[in-house]
PDB file of N, CA and C in Angstrom:
ATOM      1  N   MET A   1       1.174  13.641-116.458  1.00  0.00           N
ATOM      2  CA  MET A   1       2.227  14.591-116.172  1.00  0.00           C
ATOM      3  C   MET A   1       3.580  13.894-116.036  1.00  0.00           C
ATOM      4  N   GLY A   2       3.607  12.598-115.795  1.00  0.00           N
ATOM      5  CA  GLY A   2       4.854  11.876-115.594  1.00  0.00           C
ATOM      6  C   GLY A   2       5.755  11.877-116.820  1.00  0.00           C
ATOM      7  N   LEU A   3       5.206  11.582-117.991  1.00  0.00           N
ATOM      8  CA  LEU A   3       6.007  11.541-119.208  1.00  0.00           C
ATOM      9  C   LEU A   3       6.536  12.928-119.563  1.00  0.00           C
ATOM     10  N   CYS A   4       5.709  13.932-119.395  1.00  0.00           N
ATOM     11  CA  CYS A   4       6.130  15.308-119.679  1.00  0.00           C
ATOM     12  C   CYS A   4       7.278  15.712-118.755  1.00  0.00           C
ATOM     13  N   SER A   5       7.220  15.314-117.510  1.00  0.00           N
ATOM     14  CA  SER A   5       8.293  15.610-116.556  1.00  0.00           C
ATOM     15  C   SER A   5       9.588  14.929-116.967  1.00  0.00           C
ATOM     16  N   TRP A   6       9.496  13.676-117.432  1.00  0.00           N
ATOM     17  CA  TRP A   6      10.683  12.948-117.873  1.00  0.00           C
ATOM     18  C   TRP A   6      11.329  13.628-119.072  1.00  0.00           C
ATOM     19  N   VAL A   7      10.507  14.122-119.988  1.00  0.00           N
ATOM     20  CA  VAL A   7      11.034  14.779-121.183  1.00  0.00           C
ATOM     21  C   VAL A   7      11.757  16.068-120.797  1.00  0.00           C
ATOM     22  N   ILE A   8      11.148  16.859-119.936  1.00  0.00           N
ATOM     23  CA  ILE A   8      11.766  18.116-119.502  1.00  0.00           C
ATOM     24  C   ILE A   8      13.041  17.835-118.714  1.00  0.00           C
ATOM     25  N   PHE A   9      12.982  16.871-117.804  1.00  0.00           N
ATOM     26  CA  PHE A   9      14.145  16.470-117.013  1.00  0.00           C
ATOM     27  C   PHE A   9      15.284  16.013-117.926  1.00  0.00           C
ATOM     28  N   GLY A  10      14.961  15.174-118.900  1.00  0.00           N
ATOM     29  CA  GLY A  10      15.965  14.666-119.823  1.00  0.00           C
ATOM     30  C   GLY A  10      16.579  15.770-120.665  1.00  0.00           C
ATOM     31  N   PHE A  11      15.751  16.722-121.088  1.00  0.00           N
ATOM     32  CA  PHE A  11      16.273  17.828-121.894  1.00  0.00           C
ATOM     33  C   PHE A  11      17.302  18.629-121.114  1.00  0.00           C
ATOM     34  N   PHE A  12      16.987  18.988-119.873  1.00  0.00           N
ATOM     35  CA  PHE A  12      17.918  19.793-119.091  1.00  0.00           C
ATOM     36  C   PHE A  12      19.179  19.013-118.710  1.00  0.00           C
ATOM     37  N   ALA A  13      19.035  17.735-118.420  1.00  0.00           N
ATOM     38  CA  ALA A  13      20.218  16.916-118.115  1.00  0.00           C
ATOM     39  C   ALA A  13      21.103  16.785-119.354  1.00  0.00           C
ATOM     40  N   GLY A  14      20.512  16.555-120.517  1.00  0.00           N
ATOM     41  CA  GLY A  14      21.278  16.456-121.751  1.00  0.00           C
ATOM     42  C   GLY A  14      21.912  17.778-122.136  1.00  0.00           C
ATOM     43  N   LEU A  15      21.203  18.871-121.909  1.00  0.00           N
ATOM     44  CA  LEU A  15      21.733  20.193-122.215  1.00  0.00           C
ATOM     45  C   LEU A  15      22.948  20.511-121.348  1.00  0.00           C
ATOM     46  N   LEU A  16      22.857  20.198-120.064  1.00  0.00           N
ATOM     47  CA  LEU A  16      23.979  20.438-119.158  1.00  0.00           C
ATOM     48  C   LEU A  16      25.169  19.548-119.519  1.00  0.00           C
ATOM     49  N   ALA A  17      24.914  18.301-119.862  1.00  0.00           N
ATOM     50  CA  ALA A  17      26.006  17.397-120.253  1.00  0.00           C
ATOM     51  C   ALA A  17      26.698  17.906-121.513  1.00  0.00           C
ATOM     52  N   ARG A  18      25.927  18.408-122.470  1.00  0.00           N
ATOM     53  CA  ARG A  18      26.532  18.957-123.687  1.00  0.00           C
ATOM     54  C   ARG A  18      27.352  20.203-123.392  1.00  0.00           C
ATOM     55  N   ALA A  19      26.917  20.992-122.411  1.00  0.00           N
ATOM     56  CA  ALA A  19      27.660  22.202-122.051  1.00  0.00           C
ATOM     57  C   ALA A  19      28.970  21.854-121.346  1.00  0.00           C
ATOM     58  N   ILE A  20      28.969  20.778-120.586  1.00  0.00           N
ATOM     59  CA  ILE A  20      30.167  20.373-119.842  1.00  0.00           C
ATOM     60  C   ILE A  20      31.193  19.708-120.764  1.00  0.00           C
ATOM     61  N   MET A  21      30.717  18.870-121.682  1.00  0.00           N
ATOM     62  CA  MET A  21      31.613  18.110-122.563  1.00  0.00           C
ATOM     63  C   MET A  21      32.310  19.046-123.543  1.00  0.00           C
ATOM     64  N   PRO A  22      33.654  19.019-123.582  1.00  0.00           N
ATOM     65  CA  PRO A  22      34.353  19.881-124.539  1.00  0.00           C
ATOM     66  C   PRO A  22      34.126  19.412-125.970  1.00  0.00           C
ATOM     67  N   GLY A  23      34.253  20.332-126.887  1.00  0.00           N
ATOM     68  CA  GLY A  23      34.048  20.010-128.290  1.00  0.00           C
ATOM     69  C   GLY A  23      32.632  20.340-128.724  1.00  0.00           C
ATOM     70  N   GLU A  24      32.364  20.103-129.980  1.00  0.00           N
ATOM     71  CA  GLU A  24      31.060  20.422-130.549  1.00  0.00           C
ATOM     72  C   GLU A  24      30.263  19.146-130.752  1.00  0.00           C
ATOM     73  N   GLN A  25      29.062  19.115-130.198  1.00  0.00           N
ATOM     74  CA  GLN A  25      28.157  17.996-130.414  1.00  0.00           C
ATOM     75  C   GLN A  25      27.011  18.503-131.278  1.00  0.00           C
ATOM     76  N   ARG A  26      26.820  17.877-132.396  1.00  0.00           N
ATOM     77  CA  ARG A  26      25.749  18.291-133.311  1.00  0.00           C
ATOM     78  C   ARG A  26      24.500  17.483-132.994  1.00  0.00           C
ATOM     79  N   LEU A  27      23.802  17.915-131.954  1.00  0.00           N
ATOM     80  CA  LEU A  27      22.574  17.253-131.543  1.00  0.00           C
ATOM     81  C   LEU A  27      21.440  18.263-131.533  1.00  0.00           C
ATOM     82  N   GLY A  28      20.294  17.840-132.002  1.00  0.00           N
ATOM     83  CA  GLY A  28      19.122  18.691-131.985  1.00  0.00           C
ATOM     84  C   GLY A  28      18.365  18.571-130.670  1.00  0.00           C
ATOM     85  N   LEU A  29      17.188  19.136-130.639  1.00  0.00           N
ATOM     86  CA  LEU A  29      16.356  19.151-129.445  1.00  0.00           C
ATOM     87  C   LEU A  29      15.970  17.743-129.002  1.00  0.00           C
ATOM     88  N   ILE A  30      15.525  16.933-129.937  1.00  0.00           N
ATOM     89  CA  ILE A  30      15.081  15.583-129.595  1.00  0.00           C
ATOM     90  C   ILE A  30      16.265  14.720-129.175  1.00  0.00           C
ATOM     91  N   ALA A  31      17.380  14.813-129.876  1.00  0.00           N
ATOM     92  CA  ALA A  31      18.565  14.021-129.529  1.00  0.00           C
ATOM     93  C   ALA A  31      19.120  14.423-128.161  1.00  0.00           C
ATOM     94  N   THR A  32      19.056  15.708-127.831  1.00  0.00           N
ATOM     95  CA  THR A  32      19.503  16.165-126.521  1.00  0.00           C
ATOM     96  C   THR A  32      18.607  15.600-125.425  1.00  0.00           C
ATOM     97  N   THR A  33      17.308  15.555-125.677  1.00  0.00           N
ATOM     98  CA  THR A  33      16.363  15.002-124.705  1.00  0.00           C
ATOM     99  C   THR A  33      16.589  13.510-124.517  1.00  0.00           C
ATOM    100  N   VAL A  34      16.763  12.798-125.617  1.00  0.00           N
ATOM    101  CA  VAL A  34      17.018  11.353-125.545  1.00  0.00           C
ATOM    102  C   VAL A  34      18.333  11.090-124.822  1.00  0.00           C
ATOM    103  N   LEU A  35      19.323  11.933-125.065  1.00  0.00           N
ATOM    104  CA  LEU A  35      20.610  11.813-124.378  1.00  0.00           C
ATOM    105  C   LEU A  35      20.425  11.940-122.865  1.00  0.00           C
ATOM    106  N   GLY A  36      19.664  12.910-122.421  1.00  0.00           N
ATOM    107  CA  GLY A  36      19.441  13.107-120.991  1.00  0.00           C
ATOM    108  C   GLY A  36      18.654  11.979-120.351  1.00  0.00           C
ATOM    109  N   VAL A  37      17.606  11.504-121.027  1.00  0.00           N
ATOM    110  CA  VAL A  37      16.810  10.395-120.490  1.00  0.00           C
ATOM    111  C   VAL A  37      17.651   9.122-120.465  1.00  0.00           C
ATOM    112  N   GLY A  38      18.392   8.866-121.549  1.00  0.00           N
ATOM    113  CA  GLY A  38      19.291   7.704-121.574  1.00  0.00           C
ATOM    114  C   GLY A  38      20.372   7.822-120.520  1.00  0.00           C
ATOM    115  N   GLY A  39      20.883   9.037-120.324  1.00  0.00           N
ATOM    116  CA  GLY A  39      21.884   9.270-119.289  1.00  0.00           C
ATOM    117  C   GLY A  39      21.342   8.997-117.899  1.00  0.00           C
ATOM    118  N   SER A  40      20.079   9.255-117.693  1.00  0.00           N
ATOM    119  CA  SER A  40      19.471   8.971-116.397  1.00  0.00           C
ATOM    120  C   SER A  40      19.487   7.470-116.102  1.00  0.00           C
ATOM    121  N   PHE A  41      19.191   6.671-117.114  1.00  0.00           N
ATOM    122  CA  PHE A  41      19.212   5.225-116.908  1.00  0.00           C
ATOM    123  C   PHE A  41      20.632   4.679-116.804  1.00  0.00           C
ATOM    124  N   VAL A  42      21.570   5.256-117.547  1.00  0.00           N
ATOM    125  CA  VAL A  42      22.981   4.863-117.405  1.00  0.00           C
ATOM    126  C   VAL A  42      23.467   5.235-116.003  1.00  0.00           C
ATOM    127  N   GLY A  43      23.098   6.431-115.538  1.00  0.00           N
ATOM    128  CA  GLY A  43      23.459   6.849-114.183  1.00  0.00           C
ATOM    129  C   GLY A  43      22.854   5.940-113.128  1.00  0.00           C
ATOM    130  N   GLY A  44      21.615   5.509-113.353  1.00  0.00           N
ATOM    131  CA  GLY A  44      20.978   4.567-112.428  1.00  0.00           C
ATOM    132  C   GLY A  44      21.686   3.227-112.407  1.00  0.00           C
ATOM    133  N   PHE A  45      22.120   2.767-113.576  1.00  0.00           N
ATOM    134  CA  PHE A  45      22.861   1.513-113.672  1.00  0.00           C
ATOM    135  C   PHE A  45      24.193   1.613-112.943  1.00  0.00           C
ATOM    136  N   LEU A  46      24.927   2.708-113.179  1.00  0.00           N
ATOM    137  CA  LEU A  46      26.215   2.899-112.513  1.00  0.00           C
ATOM    138  C   LEU A  46      26.037   3.052-111.004  1.00  0.00           C
ATOM    139  N   GLY A  47      24.991   3.754-110.602  1.00  0.00           N
ATOM    140  CA  GLY A  47      24.706   3.892-109.176  1.00  0.00           C
ATOM    141  C   GLY A  47      24.391   2.559-108.520  1.00  0.00           C
ATOM    142  N   ALA A  48      23.681   1.690-109.241  1.00  0.00           N
ATOM    143  CA  ALA A  48      23.376   0.358-108.715  1.00  0.00           C
ATOM    144  C   ALA A  48      24.641  -0.472-108.565  1.00  0.00           C
ATOM    145  N   LEU A  49      25.558  -0.347-109.516  1.00  0.00           N
ATOM    146  CA  LEU A  49      26.817  -1.085-109.415  1.00  0.00           C
ATOM    147  C   LEU A  49      27.653  -0.609-108.230  1.00  0.00           C
ATOM    148  N   ILE A  50      27.666   0.696-108.017  1.00  0.00           N
ATOM    149  CA  ILE A  50      28.455   1.256-106.912  1.00  0.00           C
ATOM    150  C   ILE A  50      27.840   0.915-105.566  1.00  0.00           C
ATOM    151  N   SER A  51      26.517   1.007-105.474  1.00  0.00           N
ATOM    152  CA  SER A  51      25.855   0.789-104.187  1.00  0.00           C
ATOM    153  C   SER A  51      25.636  -0.682-103.861  1.00  0.00           C
ATOM    154  N   GLY A  52      25.799  -1.542-104.835  1.00  0.00           N
ATOM    155  CA  GLY A  52      25.631  -2.970-104.584  1.00  0.00           C
ATOM    156  C   GLY A  52      24.205  -3.457-104.795  1.00  0.00           C
ATOM    157  N   ARG A  53      23.305  -2.595-105.275  1.00  0.00           N
ATOM    158  CA  ARG A  53      21.939  -3.029-105.572  1.00  0.00           C
ATOM    159  C   ARG A  53      21.945  -3.896-106.820  1.00  0.00           C
ATOM    160  N   SER A  54      20.838  -4.505-107.102  1.00  0.00           N
ATOM    161  CA  SER A  54      20.730  -5.325-108.294  1.00  0.00           C
ATOM    162  C   SER A  54      20.748  -4.436-109.530  1.00  0.00           C
ATOM    163  N   TRP A  55      21.634  -4.720-110.469  1.00  0.00           N
ATOM    164  CA  TRP A  55      21.727  -3.925-111.685  1.00  0.00           C
ATOM    165  C   TRP A  55      20.719  -4.377-112.726  1.00  0.00           C
ATOM    166  N   GLN A  56      20.028  -5.486-112.456  1.00  0.00           N
ATOM    167  CA  GLN A  56      19.087  -6.039-113.424  1.00  0.00           C
ATOM    168  C   GLN A  56      17.768  -5.275-113.473  1.00  0.00           C
ATOM    169  N   THR A  57      17.492  -4.472-112.460  1.00  0.00           N
ATOM    170  CA  THR A  57      16.283  -3.663-112.486  1.00  0.00           C
ATOM    171  C   THR A  57      16.627  -2.295-113.059  1.00  0.00           C
ATOM    172  N   LEU A  58      15.921  -1.891-114.072  1.00  0.00           N
ATOM    173  CA  LEU A  58      16.169  -0.631-114.745  1.00  0.00           C
ATOM    174  C   LEU A  58      15.615   0.503-113.893  1.00  0.00           C
ATOM    175  N   GLN A  59      16.500   1.318-113.328  1.00  0.00           N
ATOM    176  CA  GLN A  59      16.086   2.388-112.435  1.00  0.00           C
ATOM    177  C   GLN A  59      16.680   3.709-112.894  1.00  0.00           C
ATOM    178  N   PRO A  60      15.865   4.763-112.914  1.00  0.00           N
ATOM    179  CA  PRO A  60      16.406   6.077-113.248  1.00  0.00           C
ATOM    180  C   PRO A  60      17.201   6.641-112.081  1.00  0.00           C
ATOM    181  N   SER A  61      18.031   7.612-112.367  1.00  0.00           N
ATOM    182  CA  SER A  61      18.818   8.238-111.311  1.00  0.00           C
ATOM    183  C   SER A  61      18.369   9.674-111.131  1.00  0.00           C
ATOM    184  N   GLY A  62      18.987  10.355-110.191  1.00  0.00           N
ATOM    185  CA  GLY A  62      18.713  11.764-109.963  1.00  0.00           C
ATOM    186  C   GLY A  62      19.392  12.621-111.015  1.00  0.00           C
ATOM    187  N   PHE A  63      19.309  13.922-110.852  1.00  0.00           N
ATOM    188  CA  PHE A  63      19.823  14.839-111.862  1.00  0.00           C
ATOM    189  C   PHE A  63      21.329  14.689-112.038  1.00  0.00           C
ATOM    190  N   LEU A  64      22.076  14.584-110.951  1.00  0.00           N
ATOM    191  CA  LEU A  64      23.527  14.430-111.053  1.00  0.00           C
ATOM    192  C   LEU A  64      23.883  13.135-111.781  1.00  0.00           C
ATOM    193  N   GLY A  65      23.218  12.054-111.432  1.00  0.00           N
ATOM    194  CA  GLY A  65      23.452  10.782-112.113  1.00  0.00           C
ATOM    195  C   GLY A  65      23.083  10.844-113.583  1.00  0.00           C
ATOM    196  N   ALA A  66      22.014  11.585-113.904  1.00  0.00           N
ATOM    197  CA  ALA A  66      21.601  11.724-115.295  1.00  0.00           C
ATOM    198  C   ALA A  66      22.644  12.489-116.095  1.00  0.00           C
ATOM    199  N   VAL A  67      23.195  13.547-115.523  1.00  0.00           N
ATOM    200  CA  VAL A  67      24.219  14.326-116.219  1.00  0.00           C
ATOM    201  C   VAL A  67      25.485  13.489-116.394  1.00  0.00           C
ATOM    202  N   LEU A  68      25.897  12.769-115.348  1.00  0.00           N
ATOM    203  CA  LEU A  68      27.085  11.913-115.455  1.00  0.00           C
ATOM    204  C   LEU A  68      26.877  10.799-116.474  1.00  0.00           C
ATOM    205  N   GLY A  69      25.688  10.212-116.475  1.00  0.00           N
ATOM    206  CA  GLY A  69      25.380   9.179-117.464  1.00  0.00           C
ATOM    207  C   GLY A  69      25.359   9.734-118.871  1.00  0.00           C
ATOM    208  N   ALA A  70      24.816  10.941-119.052  1.00  0.00           N
ATOM    209  CA  ALA A  70      24.798  11.571-120.367  1.00  0.00           C
ATOM    210  C   ALA A  70      26.219  11.900-120.827  1.00  0.00           C
ATOM    211  N   LEU A  71      27.073  12.323-119.899  1.00  0.00           N
ATOM    212  CA  LEU A  71      28.473  12.563-120.245  1.00  0.00           C
ATOM    213  C   LEU A  71      29.139  11.270-120.704  1.00  0.00           C
ATOM    214  N   ALA A  72      28.837  10.175-120.019  1.00  0.00           N
ATOM    215  CA  ALA A  72      29.390   8.879-120.421  1.00  0.00           C
ATOM    216  C   ALA A  72      28.897   8.493-121.814  1.00  0.00           C
ATOM    217  N   LEU A  73      27.617   8.722-122.096  1.00  0.00           N
ATOM    218  CA  LEU A  73      27.081   8.410-123.417  1.00  0.00           C
ATOM    219  C   LEU A  73      27.711   9.284-124.502  1.00  0.00           C
ATOM    220  N   LEU A  74      27.928  10.560-124.198  1.00  0.00           N
ATOM    221  CA  LEU A  74      28.598  11.443-125.161  1.00  0.00           C
ATOM    222  C   LEU A  74      30.021  10.983-125.439  1.00  0.00           C
ATOM    223  N   ALA A  75      30.739  10.596-124.397  1.00  0.00           N
ATOM    224  CA  ALA A  75      32.116  10.121-124.565  1.00  0.00           C
ATOM    225  C   ALA A  75      32.144   8.839-125.394  1.00  0.00           C
ATOM    226  N   ILE A  76      31.239   7.927-125.121  1.00  0.00           N
ATOM    227  CA  ILE A  76      31.172   6.684-125.895  1.00  0.00           C
ATOM    228  C   ILE A  76      30.837   6.983-127.346  1.00  0.00           C
ATOM    229  N   GLY A  77      29.928   7.934-127.565  1.00  0.00           N
ATOM    230  CA  GLY A  77      29.575   8.325-128.932  1.00  0.00           C
ATOM    231  C   GLY A  77      30.744   8.910-129.687  1.00  0.00           C
ATOM    232  N   GLU A  78      31.560   9.719-129.020  1.00  0.00           N
ATOM    233  CA  GLU A  78      32.745  10.282-129.660  1.00  0.00           C
ATOM    234  C   GLU A  78      33.763   9.204-130.009  1.00  0.00           C
ATOM    235  N   ILE A  79      33.939   8.266-129.100  1.00  0.00           N
ATOM    236  CA  ILE A  79      34.895   7.178-129.334  1.00  0.00           C
ATOM    237  C   ILE A  79      34.424   6.318-130.509  1.00  0.00           C
ATOM    238  N   MET A  80      33.137   6.002-130.544  1.00  0.00           N
ATOM    239  CA  MET A  80      32.624   5.145-131.602  1.00  0.00           C
ATOM    240  C   MET A  80      32.611   5.836-132.959  1.00  0.00           C
ATOM    241  N   SER A  81      32.423   7.144-132.973  1.00  0.00           N
ATOM    242  CA  SER A  81      32.380   7.847-134.254  1.00  0.00           C
ATOM    243  C   SER A  81      33.778   8.190-134.754  1.00  0.00           C
ATOM    244  N   GLY A  82      34.775   8.076-133.884  1.00  0.00           N
ATOM    245  CA  GLY A  82      36.147   8.344-134.292  1.00  0.00           C
ATOM    246  C   GLY A  82      36.498   9.815-134.330  1.00  0.00           C
ATOM    247  N   ARG A  83      35.607  10.676-133.857  1.00  0.00           N
ATOM    248  CA  ARG A  83      35.906  12.113-133.853  1.00  0.00           C
ATOM    249  C   ARG A  83      36.775  12.445-132.658  1.00  0.00           C
ATOM    250  N   ARG A  84      37.614  13.430-132.841  1.00  0.00           N
ATOM    251  CA  ARG A  84      38.461  13.895-131.756  1.00  0.00           C
ATOM    252  C   ARG A  84      37.988  15.256-131.309  1.00  0.00           C
ATOM    253  N   ARG A  85      38.220  15.533-130.035  1.00  0.00           N
ATOM    254  CA  ARG A  85      37.834  16.832-129.485  1.00  0.00           C
ATOM    255  C   ARG A  85      38.738  17.915-130.013  1.00  0.00           C
ATOM    256  N   SER A  86      38.163  19.083-130.193  1.00  0.00           N
ATOM    257  CA  SER A  86      38.974  20.208-130.655  1.00  0.00           C
ATOM    258  C   SER A  86      39.342  21.112-129.511  1.00  0.00           C
TER     259      SER A  86
END
């Protein structure tokens, strides 16, 4: 049940991040899920930096951290692709 929970959690975190980020993101179901799961680990990394914990241990974050991390990943993706927001 653990992996299934991560997939569902990642999907909803990625979906919320896409809804918050202005502009159009052309991501499918799987890419949205990967975005949310990746955002959770980015959020965990940023949380470790802020709290002073060791950043070398890969730790997931809570839902808010996952959404913030997914937003950061979306912003980085836009910058790297050279697209501008409409």
